[in-house]
């Protein structure tokens, strides 16, 4: 995190911190932190419950995302990134969920939103080619639906996919076209249950050849664990290691159902795990084994997954939840400083650079500033260290300023790069005008969910 006693002046030039020097105490107290990092997100902009994707098991929740009103990719991404900026987040891994249009156009829109808001962004190119309808035989799932629904479900949720090599090449082409200006690209196999062995192996080979990072979901839910054990009797994580998939270039999201030996193997390979505690609670996936991951030597970062506990996208709230949920009742508990320093692992997951994530001379000038005076009117002076104060009281409401790579993104709480009020009004108007889209899809989604309950209830996901 980087601590200096007393007031300081931070000098910035060419995107870097060039000096941190003692200063006279001013009349307005501020607290500077390294900008926070959201190591796993989807840039939804709208809280899913607002369009009927209500909290429930992951496998039932995913189909309901189709009910999202058709809002422009630029608008929803810009709104999501603006919320993160207000929370002191300077970097984010954006796992793109295609909206059904041209991926090139959608990628351009996301990258433009990131540039306008001013955040660092790792665009994780979506890649998948199996199990689009359920973890297993799609025909068995379709057989559980009313006959009149089968074609529509296939059309909406099981799109035609490119070959593994074509998907890798498309990701490389997107990177060549849009990377730069704080935007990097990563391969994003959606998860082993959604990717064939051929696709996973092609991505592993491409990452080794190009040095491009990989970001994927891994063992998020109990049903994913059951599917993996049935289809990879030698062990899914062991298989991934055998094909060269595991390396310091890999970040895996969730890992709720990772076993101790798998955690140790990931740690040996230098993999980062991005835990998403609020999302896992809301989607009934379980609680990430954070303390066991740390004990195994894993590098652990935090993500919001576009599904924070209250839908506010307040990253300080997420840190606080993790701090209290994962602390142990003993004499040597988890400390606030350990939680705050996890952003360094998140910075690696986004940029794979050692000069991002710190508040020292020579580091990238990614700095969040909080109104320390407003946070401490009732605090006895000099008895509450800054990390404890941040974990107990900080919120997006206290973030006044944000710099990313030396560029000012927030000033006195106002976003500088775009008209946030206008953007919010535009998205709200579009949501209201597209309500018929939600109403028309709800009955089909509910019948699809009923079929999924039967599919997983009959344990069809564990059949070859």
Protein backbone atom coordinates (compact mmCIF):
# COMPACT_ATOMS: atom_id res chain seq x y z
CA UNK A 1 0.00 0.00 0.00
CA UNK A 2 2.84 2.36 0.76
CA UNK A 3 2.72 4.50 3.90
CA UNK A 4 4.38 7.82 4.68
CA UNK A 5 3.95 9.46 8.08
CA UNK A 6 2.48 12.93 7.96
CA UNK A 7 1.43 15.15 5.05
CA UNK A 8 3.24 14.83 1.75
CA UNK A 9 3.29 16.29 -1.73
CA UNK A 10 3.13 13.75 -4.57
CA UNK A 11 4.68 14.90 -7.84
CA UNK A 12 3.64 13.31 -11.13
CA UNK A 13 5.25 13.49 -14.56
CA UNK A 14 4.89 11.36 -17.71
CA UNK A 15 2.42 9.07 -16.00
CA UNK A 16 4.71 8.22 -13.07
CA UNK A 17 5.14 9.26 -9.47
CA UNK A 18 8.39 11.23 -9.53
CA UNK A 19 8.64 12.29 -5.89
CA UNK A 20 6.90 12.02 -2.53
CA UNK A 21 8.13 14.76 -0.21
CA UNK A 22 7.08 16.05 3.23
CA UNK A 23 4.69 18.98 3.14
CA UNK A 24 3.22 21.47 5.56
CA UNK A 25 -0.06 20.34 7.04
CA UNK A 26 -2.88 21.89 5.07
CA UNK A 27 -6.34 22.87 6.18
CA UNK A 28 -8.02 20.08 4.19
CA UNK A 29 -7.00 16.53 5.14
CA UNK A 30 -6.77 13.98 2.34
CA UNK A 31 -5.73 10.33 2.27
CA UNK A 32 -3.96 9.00 -0.83
CA UNK A 33 -4.11 5.30 -1.76
CA UNK A 34 -2.94 3.35 -4.76
CA UNK A 35 -5.94 3.25 -7.09
CA UNK A 36 -7.92 0.08 -6.42
CA UNK A 37 -8.14 -2.76 -8.94
CA UNK A 38 -11.23 -4.72 -9.99
CA UNK A 39 -9.66 -7.99 -11.09
CA UNK A 40 -12.82 -9.50 -12.60
CA UNK A 41 -15.85 -7.76 -14.06
CA UNK A 42 -18.28 -7.74 -16.97
CA UNK A 43 -19.13 -4.04 -17.42
CA UNK A 44 -22.87 -4.53 -17.19
CA UNK A 45 -23.83 -0.99 -16.19
CA UNK A 46 -27.27 -2.14 -15.04
CA UNK A 47 -27.73 -4.22 -11.89
CA UNK A 48 -29.15 -7.53 -13.20
CA UNK A 49 -32.04 -7.63 -10.71
CA UNK A 50 -33.42 -4.44 -12.32
CA UNK A 51 -34.40 -6.40 -15.42
CA UNK A 52 -35.54 -9.57 -13.68
CA UNK A 53 -32.28 -11.53 -13.37
CA UNK A 54 -32.94 -12.14 -9.70
CA UNK A 55 -30.47 -13.67 -7.27
CA UNK A 56 -30.50 -17.46 -7.53
CA UNK A 57 -28.15 -20.31 -8.41
CA UNK A 58 -25.68 -19.36 -11.13
CA UNK A 59 -26.95 -21.90 -13.63
CA UNK A 60 -30.52 -20.54 -13.38
CA UNK A 61 -29.41 -16.91 -13.29
CA UNK A 62 -27.38 -16.95 -16.49
CA UNK A 63 -30.37 -17.47 -18.85
CA UNK A 64 -32.15 -14.49 -17.29
CA UNK A 65 -29.38 -12.15 -18.45
CA UNK A 66 -30.98 -12.34 -21.91
CA UNK A 67 -33.75 -10.15 -20.48
CA UNK A 68 -31.39 -7.17 -20.29
CA UNK A 69 -32.90 -4.27 -22.24
CA UNK A 70 -31.04 -3.61 -25.52
CA UNK A 71 -28.84 -0.70 -24.44
CA UNK A 72 -25.78 0.30 -26.43
CA UNK A 73 -22.56 -1.45 -25.45
CA UNK A 74 -20.82 1.91 -25.14
CA UNK A 75 -23.42 3.32 -22.74
CA UNK A 76 -23.61 0.32 -20.44
CA UNK A 77 -19.81 -0.04 -20.29
CA UNK A 78 -19.20 3.66 -19.73
CA UNK A 79 -21.76 3.68 -16.93
CA UNK A 80 -20.16 0.63 -15.30
CA UNK A 81 -16.67 2.13 -15.52
CA UNK A 82 -17.89 5.47 -14.19
CA UNK A 83 -19.26 3.73 -11.10
CA UNK A 84 -15.90 2.03 -10.58
CA UNK A 85 -14.04 5.33 -10.92
CA UNK A 86 -16.19 6.84 -8.17
CA UNK A 87 -15.14 3.90 -6.01
CA UNK A 88 -11.45 4.66 -6.46
CA UNK A 89 -10.87 1.88 -9.00
CA UNK A 90 -8.25 2.69 -11.61
CA UNK A 91 -7.92 -0.67 -13.39
CA UNK A 92 -10.33 -3.43 -14.37
CA UNK A 93 -10.40 -6.77 -16.17
CA UNK A 94 -13.40 -6.59 -18.48
CA UNK A 95 -14.68 -10.06 -19.40
CA UNK A 96 -16.85 -9.15 -22.32
CA UNK A 97 -20.29 -10.70 -22.64
CA UNK A 98 -21.31 -10.35 -26.29
CA UNK A 99 -24.66 -8.66 -26.88
CA UNK A 100 -25.32 -10.63 -30.02
CA UNK A 101 -24.01 -8.10 -32.49
CA UNK A 102 -20.69 -7.61 -34.23
CA UNK A 103 -17.87 -8.38 -31.77
CA UNK A 104 -15.59 -5.93 -33.56
CA UNK A 105 -18.06 -3.09 -33.06
CA UNK A 106 -18.68 -4.09 -29.45
CA UNK A 107 -14.94 -4.21 -28.75
CA UNK A 108 -14.49 -0.75 -30.24
CA UNK A 109 -17.34 0.56 -28.05
CA UNK A 110 -15.88 -0.91 -24.84
CA UNK A 111 -12.42 0.46 -25.59
CA UNK A 112 -13.82 3.91 -26.34
CA UNK A 113 -15.74 3.87 -23.06
CA UNK A 114 -12.56 3.01 -21.17
CA UNK A 115 -10.65 5.81 -22.89
CA UNK A 116 -13.42 8.33 -22.20
CA UNK A 117 -13.69 7.44 -18.52
CA UNK A 118 -9.92 7.10 -18.24
CA UNK A 119 -9.41 3.69 -16.61
CA UNK A 120 -6.87 0.99 -17.39
CA UNK A 121 -8.67 -1.92 -19.00
CA UNK A 122 -7.78 -5.48 -19.86
CA UNK A 123 -10.28 -6.55 -22.51
CA UNK A 124 -10.79 -10.30 -22.12
CA UNK A 125 -11.98 -11.62 -25.50
CA UNK A 126 -14.82 -14.15 -24.99
CA UNK A 127 -14.13 -17.66 -26.31
CA UNK A 128 -16.29 -20.78 -26.05
CA UNK A 129 -17.50 -23.69 -28.14
CA UNK A 130 -19.44 -26.20 -26.01
CA UNK A 131 -22.21 -26.64 -23.43
CA UNK A 132 -23.93 -23.36 -24.26
CA UNK A 133 -27.31 -24.56 -22.95
CA UNK A 134 -26.17 -26.60 -19.93
CA UNK A 135 -23.11 -28.49 -18.72
CA UNK A 136 -23.69 -31.52 -20.89
CA UNK A 137 -25.67 -32.87 -23.81
CA UNK A 138 -27.80 -30.06 -25.23
CA UNK A 139 -30.24 -32.54 -26.74
CA UNK A 140 -31.02 -33.91 -23.30
CA UNK A 141 -31.70 -30.41 -22.09
CA UNK A 142 -33.89 -29.56 -25.08
CA UNK A 143 -35.91 -32.73 -24.54
CA UNK A 144 -36.99 -31.36 -21.17
CA UNK A 145 -38.46 -28.22 -22.77
CA UNK A 146 -41.90 -27.91 -24.38
CA UNK A 147 -41.47 -28.75 -28.05
CA UNK A 148 -42.46 -25.26 -29.13
CA UNK A 149 -39.61 -23.70 -27.12
CA UNK A 150 -36.74 -25.81 -28.35
CA UNK A 151 -35.88 -23.90 -31.50
CA UNK A 152 -36.12 -20.49 -29.82
CA UNK A 153 -33.94 -21.56 -26.89
CA UNK A 154 -31.35 -22.93 -29.31
CA UNK A 155 -31.39 -19.73 -31.35
CA UNK A 156 -31.08 -17.40 -28.35
CA UNK A 157 -28.66 -19.29 -26.12
CA UNK A 158 -26.65 -21.54 -28.44
CA UNK A 159 -25.10 -19.36 -31.15
CA UNK A 160 -22.88 -20.70 -33.89
CA UNK A 161 -19.22 -20.61 -32.88
CA UNK A 162 -15.95 -20.38 -34.78
CA UNK A 163 -13.33 -23.10 -34.75
CA UNK A 164 -10.72 -22.99 -31.95
CA UNK A 165 -8.01 -21.63 -34.24
CA UNK A 166 -10.36 -19.05 -35.73
CA UNK A 167 -11.28 -17.83 -32.23
CA UNK A 168 -7.61 -17.47 -31.31
CA UNK A 169 -6.91 -15.59 -34.51
CA UNK A 170 -9.88 -13.28 -33.95
CA UNK A 171 -8.60 -12.44 -30.46
CA UNK A 172 -5.18 -11.64 -31.89
CA UNK A 173 -6.71 -9.43 -34.57
CA UNK A 174 -8.83 -7.55 -32.03
CA UNK A 175 -5.73 -6.94 -29.93
CA UNK A 176 -3.79 -5.67 -32.93
CA UNK A 177 -6.63 -3.29 -33.81
CA UNK A 178 -7.56 -1.88 -30.40
CA UNK A 179 -4.77 -2.36 -27.83
CA UNK A 180 -2.87 0.66 -26.58
CA UNK A 181 -3.63 3.80 -24.57
CA UNK A 182 -3.99 1.86 -21.27
CA UNK A 183 -5.92 -0.95 -22.98
CA UNK A 184 -4.54 -4.49 -23.12
CA UNK A 185 -6.06 -7.70 -24.45
CA UNK A 186 -6.33 -11.16 -22.96
CA UNK A 187 -7.68 -14.50 -24.11
CA UNK A 188 -10.87 -15.31 -22.21
CA UNK A 189 -12.04 -18.90 -22.46
CA UNK A 190 -15.31 -18.49 -20.57
CA UNK A 191 -14.59 -21.56 -18.44
CA UNK A 192 -13.55 -25.19 -18.98
CA UNK A 193 -17.18 -26.33 -18.98
CA UNK A 194 -17.83 -24.01 -21.93
CA UNK A 195 -14.65 -24.75 -23.90
CA UNK A 196 -13.61 -27.91 -25.71
CA UNK A 197 -10.22 -29.44 -25.03
CA UNK A 198 -9.18 -28.34 -28.51
CA UNK A 199 -10.02 -24.71 -27.71
CA UNK A 200 -8.30 -24.80 -24.29
CA UNK A 201 -5.18 -26.32 -25.85
CA UNK A 202 -5.17 -23.77 -28.69
CA UNK A 203 -5.39 -20.92 -26.18
CA UNK A 204 -2.60 -22.36 -24.03
CA UNK A 205 -0.37 -22.63 -27.08
CA UNK A 206 -1.23 -19.12 -28.28
CA UNK A 207 -0.51 -17.61 -24.86
CA UNK A 208 2.87 -19.32 -24.74
CA UNK A 209 3.68 -18.09 -28.27
CA UNK A 210 2.47 -14.49 -27.92
CA UNK A 211 2.89 -13.80 -24.20
CA UNK A 212 -0.75 -12.71 -24.11
CA UNK A 213 -2.42 -13.37 -20.71
CA UNK A 214 -5.41 -15.64 -20.15
CA UNK A 215 -8.40 -14.86 -17.95
CA UNK A 216 -11.03 -17.52 -17.23
CA UNK A 217 -13.74 -18.59 -14.82
CA UNK A 218 -12.82 -21.69 -12.83
CA UNK A 219 -14.88 -23.90 -10.51
CA UNK A 220 -17.34 -21.21 -9.53
CA UNK A 221 -20.27 -23.45 -8.53
CA UNK A 222 -20.93 -26.89 -7.10
CA UNK A 223 -22.38 -28.08 -10.41
CA UNK A 224 -19.23 -26.99 -12.22
CA UNK A 225 -17.22 -29.02 -9.71
CA UNK A 226 -19.44 -32.06 -10.31
CA UNK A 227 -19.16 -31.66 -14.08
CA UNK A 228 -15.38 -31.35 -13.90
CA UNK A 229 -14.96 -34.43 -11.71
CA UNK A 230 -17.13 -36.49 -14.05
CA UNK A 231 -15.41 -35.38 -17.27
CA UNK A 232 -11.81 -35.10 -16.04
CA UNK A 233 -11.25 -38.08 -13.72
CA UNK A 234 -7.53 -37.27 -13.72
CA UNK A 235 -8.42 -33.82 -12.37
CA UNK A 236 -9.43 -30.71 -14.31
CA UNK A 237 -6.69 -28.49 -12.89
CA UNK A 238 -4.12 -31.22 -13.49
CA UNK A 239 -5.31 -31.45 -17.10
CA UNK A 240 -4.95 -27.69 -17.50
CA UNK A 241 -1.42 -27.95 -16.19
CA UNK A 242 -0.61 -30.80 -18.55
CA UNK A 243 -1.54 -28.68 -21.59
CA UNK A 244 0.52 -25.69 -20.42
CA UNK A 245 -2.50 -23.58 -19.48
CA UNK A 246 -1.25 -22.72 -15.98
CA UNK A 247 1.37 -19.97 -15.79
CA UNK A 248 1.93 -16.49 -14.33
CA UNK A 249 0.03 -15.22 -17.38
CA UNK A 250 -3.19 -16.82 -16.08
CA UNK A 251 -5.84 -15.33 -13.81
CA UNK A 252 -8.76 -17.51 -12.75
CA UNK A 253 -11.95 -15.99 -11.38
CA UNK A 254 -13.88 -17.40 -8.43
CA UNK A 255 -12.19 -20.71 -7.50
CA UNK A 256 -14.86 -21.31 -4.86
CA UNK A 257 -14.64 -25.09 -5.28
CA UNK A 258 -10.87 -25.42 -5.65
CA UNK A 259 -9.41 -28.25 -3.57
CA UNK A 260 -6.24 -27.82 -1.48
CA UNK A 261 -4.03 -29.73 -3.92
CA UNK A 262 -5.38 -27.63 -6.80
CA UNK A 263 -4.71 -24.43 -4.89
CA UNK A 264 -1.13 -25.55 -4.28
CA UNK A 265 -0.62 -26.37 -7.96
CA UNK A 266 -1.97 -23.00 -9.05
CA UNK A 267 0.34 -21.31 -6.54
CA UNK A 268 3.34 -23.25 -7.86
CA UNK A 269 2.56 -22.03 -11.38
CA UNK A 270 2.20 -18.38 -10.34
CA UNK A 271 -1.52 -18.15 -11.18
CA UNK A 272 -3.62 -15.30 -9.72
CA UNK A 273 -7.08 -16.06 -8.32
CA UNK A 274 -9.65 -13.25 -8.43
CA UNK A 275 -12.25 -13.94 -5.76
CA UNK A 276 -15.71 -12.41 -6.11
CA UNK A 277 -17.32 -12.87 -2.73
CA UNK A 278 -20.49 -10.78 -3.18
CA UNK A 279 -21.27 -12.43 -6.49
CA UNK A 280 -20.67 -15.91 -5.08
CA UNK A 281 -23.04 -15.20 -2.18
CA UNK A 282 -25.75 -13.79 -4.41
CA UNK A 283 -25.52 -16.63 -6.94
CA UNK A 284 -25.50 -19.35 -4.25
CA UNK A 285 -22.06 -20.58 -5.27
CA UNK A 286 -20.54 -20.61 -1.80
CA UNK A 287 -17.78 -18.71 -0.04
CA UNK A 288 -14.31 -18.59 -1.64
CA UNK A 289 -11.72 -20.33 0.59
CA UNK A 290 -9.65 -17.15 0.89
CA UNK A 291 -7.61 -18.16 3.94
CA UNK A 292 -6.82 -21.58 2.47
CA UNK A 293 -5.75 -19.94 -0.77
CA UNK A 294 -3.40 -17.66 1.13
CA UNK A 295 -2.04 -20.58 3.14
CA UNK A 296 -1.33 -22.40 -0.14
CA UNK A 297 0.71 -19.41 -1.30
CA UNK A 298 -1.75 -18.27 -3.95
CA UNK A 299 -1.77 -14.69 -5.17
CA UNK A 300 -5.34 -13.53 -4.47
CA UNK A 301 -7.01 -10.44 -5.89
CA UNK A 302 -10.58 -9.16 -5.61
CA UNK A 303 -13.26 -8.58 -8.21
CA UNK A 304 -16.84 -7.37 -8.27
CA UNK A 305 -18.04 -9.55 -11.17
CA UNK A 306 -20.60 -6.84 -11.94
CA UNK A 307 -22.63 -8.10 -8.97
CA UNK A 308 -21.71 -6.28 -5.78
CA UNK A 309 -23.67 -6.99 -2.62
CA UNK A 310 -25.93 -3.92 -2.85
CA UNK A 311 -25.56 -3.26 -6.56
CA UNK A 312 -23.62 -0.08 -5.79
CA UNK A 313 -20.29 -1.29 -7.24
CA UNK A 314 -18.60 0.17 -4.15
CA UNK A 315 -15.22 -1.56 -4.04
CA UNK A 316 -14.56 -0.50 -0.46
CA UNK A 317 -17.72 -2.32 0.55
CA UNK A 318 -16.41 -5.44 -1.20
CA UNK A 319 -13.10 -5.21 0.65
CA UNK A 320 -14.94 -4.79 3.94
CA UNK A 321 -17.13 -7.82 3.30
CA UNK A 322 -14.09 -9.94 2.47
CA UNK A 323 -12.21 -8.67 5.50
CA UNK A 324 -14.91 -9.62 7.98
CA UNK A 325 -16.08 -12.79 6.25
CA UNK A 326 -12.64 -14.32 5.83
CA UNK A 327 -11.05 -13.23 9.11
CA UNK A 328 -10.53 -16.03 11.61
CA UNK A 329 -11.33 -15.93 15.32
CA UNK A 330 -7.82 -16.32 16.68
CA UNK A 331 -5.04 -14.17 18.12
CA UNK A 332 -3.44 -13.51 14.72
CA UNK A 333 -6.31 -12.53 12.43
CA UNK A 334 -6.28 -11.28 8.89
CA UNK A 335 -5.12 -7.67 8.90
CA UNK A 336 -6.54 -4.69 6.98
CA UNK A 337 -3.13 -4.10 5.37
CA UNK A 338 -3.14 -7.63 3.92
CA UNK A 339 -6.54 -6.99 2.36
CA UNK A 340 -5.52 -3.65 0.88
CA UNK A 341 -2.26 -4.98 -0.53
CA UNK A 342 -4.16 -7.60 -2.54
CA UNK A 343 -4.66 -4.86 -5.14
CA UNK A 344 -1.06 -5.51 -6.24
CA UNK A 345 -2.10 -8.98 -7.41
CA UNK A 346 -5.08 -7.37 -9.14
CA UNK A 347 -2.80 -4.88 -10.87
CA UNK A 348 -0.74 -7.81 -12.18
CA UNK A 349 -3.93 -9.52 -13.41
CA UNK A 350 -4.84 -6.40 -15.41
CA UNK A 351 -1.46 -5.20 -16.69
CA UNK A 352 1.18 -7.86 -15.98
CA UNK A 353 3.48 -4.99 -15.07
CA UNK A 354 5.45 -4.59 -11.86
CA UNK A 355 5.23 -0.78 -11.88
CA UNK A 356 1.45 -0.61 -11.39
CA UNK A 357 -0.25 -0.94 -8.02
CA UNK A 358 2.09 0.89 -5.65
CA UNK A 359 2.35 4.34 -4.16
CA UNK A 360 6.10 4.84 -4.47
CA UNK A 361 8.45 6.84 -6.66
CA UNK A 362 8.80 5.13 -10.04
CA UNK A 363 5.36 3.52 -9.91
CA UNK A 364 2.59 4.42 -12.33
CA UNK A 365 0.62 7.42 -11.08
CA UNK A 366 -2.60 5.54 -10.32
CA UNK A 367 -3.83 7.31 -7.19
CA UNK A 368 -7.16 7.49 -5.38
CA UNK A 369 -7.73 10.30 -2.89
CA UNK A 370 -10.24 10.15 -0.05
CA UNK A 371 -11.60 12.95 2.12
CA UNK A 372 -9.79 12.01 5.32
CA UNK A 373 -11.33 14.85 7.29
CA UNK A 374 -14.86 13.76 6.46
CA UNK A 375 -13.99 10.19 7.49
CA UNK A 376 -12.53 11.10 10.88
CA UNK A 377 -14.61 13.74 12.71
CA UNK A 378 -15.25 11.33 15.60
CA UNK A 379 -11.88 9.54 15.53
CA UNK A 380 -9.43 10.15 18.38
CA UNK A 381 -6.30 11.52 16.66
CA UNK A 382 -3.45 9.09 15.93
CA UNK A 383 -5.09 5.98 17.39
CA UNK A 384 -6.69 4.55 14.25
CA UNK A 385 -4.11 3.67 11.54
CA UNK A 386 -5.08 4.41 7.96
CA UNK A 387 -5.62 0.75 6.90
CA UNK A 388 -8.09 0.17 9.75
CA UNK A 389 -9.86 3.43 8.94
CA UNK A 390 -10.20 2.46 5.28
CA UNK A 391 -11.52 -1.04 6.02
CA UNK A 392 -13.98 0.24 8.61
CA UNK A 393 -15.31 3.43 7.05
CA UNK A 394 -14.17 4.15 3.50
CA UNK A 395 -16.78 4.16 0.75
CA UNK A 396 -17.25 5.62 -2.69
CA UNK A 397 -18.85 8.66 -1.03
CA UNK A 398 -15.46 9.71 0.37
CA UNK A 399 -13.53 9.40 -2.93
CA UNK A 400 -12.79 12.90 -4.15
CA UNK A 401 -10.10 12.47 -6.79
CA UNK A 402 -8.62 9.76 -8.99
CA UNK A 403 -5.58 9.77 -11.26
CA UNK A 404 -4.78 6.95 -13.69
CA UNK A 405 -1.39 7.02 -15.38
CA UNK A 406 -1.09 10.64 -14.29
CA UNK A 407 -4.35 11.69 -15.92
CA UNK A 408 -6.99 13.11 -13.61
CA UNK A 409 -10.16 11.04 -13.89
CA UNK A 410 -12.13 12.46 -10.94
CA UNK A 411 -11.91 16.00 -9.57
CA UNK A 412 -13.80 16.91 -6.38
CA UNK A 413 -16.01 13.87 -6.96
CA UNK A 414 -16.90 14.76 -10.56
CA UNK A 415 -16.02 12.57 -13.52
CA UNK A 416 -14.06 14.61 -16.07
CA UNK A 417 -14.10 12.43 -19.18
CA UNK A 418 -17.80 12.32 -20.01
CA UNK A 419 -21.23 13.65 -19.14
CA UNK A 420 -22.19 11.17 -16.44
CA UNK A 421 -25.58 12.71 -15.68
CA UNK A 422 -26.52 12.63 -19.34
CA UNK A 423 -25.29 9.06 -19.71
CA UNK A 424 -27.28 7.94 -16.68
CA UNK A 425 -30.43 9.62 -17.96
CA UNK A 426 -29.94 8.02 -21.38
CA UNK A 427 -29.58 4.52 -19.92
CA UNK A 428 -32.57 4.98 -17.61
CA UNK A 429 -34.74 6.20 -20.48
CA UNK A 430 -33.67 3.28 -22.66
CA UNK A 431 -34.43 0.84 -19.85
CA UNK A 432 -37.96 2.16 -19.43
CA UNK A 433 -38.65 2.29 -23.16
CA UNK A 434 -37.51 -1.31 -23.64
CA UNK A 435 -39.62 -2.87 -20.89
CA UNK A 436 -41.55 -4.95 -23.43
CA UNK A 437 -38.31 -6.80 -24.23
CA UNK A 438 -38.15 -8.00 -20.62
CA UNK A 439 -41.83 -8.91 -20.42
CA UNK A 440 -41.79 -10.87 -23.67
CA UNK A 441 -38.81 -13.02 -22.69
CA UNK A 442 -39.75 -13.79 -19.09
CA UNK A 443 -42.07 -16.76 -19.76
CA UNK A 444 -39.51 -18.46 -22.03
CA UNK A 445 -36.71 -17.85 -19.52
CA UNK A 446 -38.80 -19.37 -16.74
CA UNK A 447 -39.54 -22.50 -18.78
CA UNK A 448 -35.85 -22.78 -19.65
CA UNK A 449 -35.02 -22.51 -15.94
CA UNK A 450 -37.54 -25.25 -15.14
CA UNK A 451 -35.82 -27.51 -17.68
CA UNK A 452 -32.45 -26.73 -16.12
CA UNK A 453 -33.74 -27.69 -12.69
CA UNK A 454 -34.73 -31.06 -14.11
CA UNK A 455 -31.47 -31.43 -16.02
CA UNK A 456 -29.25 -30.85 -13.01
CA UNK A 457 -31.68 -32.58 -10.65
CA UNK A 458 -31.34 -35.74 -12.75
CA UNK A 459 -27.56 -35.24 -12.65
CA UNK A 460 -27.38 -35.24 -16.43
CA UNK A 461 -24.35 -32.92 -16.19
CA UNK A 462 -22.36 -35.81 -14.73
CA UNK A 463 -23.03 -38.12 -17.69
CA UNK A 464 -20.55 -38.51 -20.53
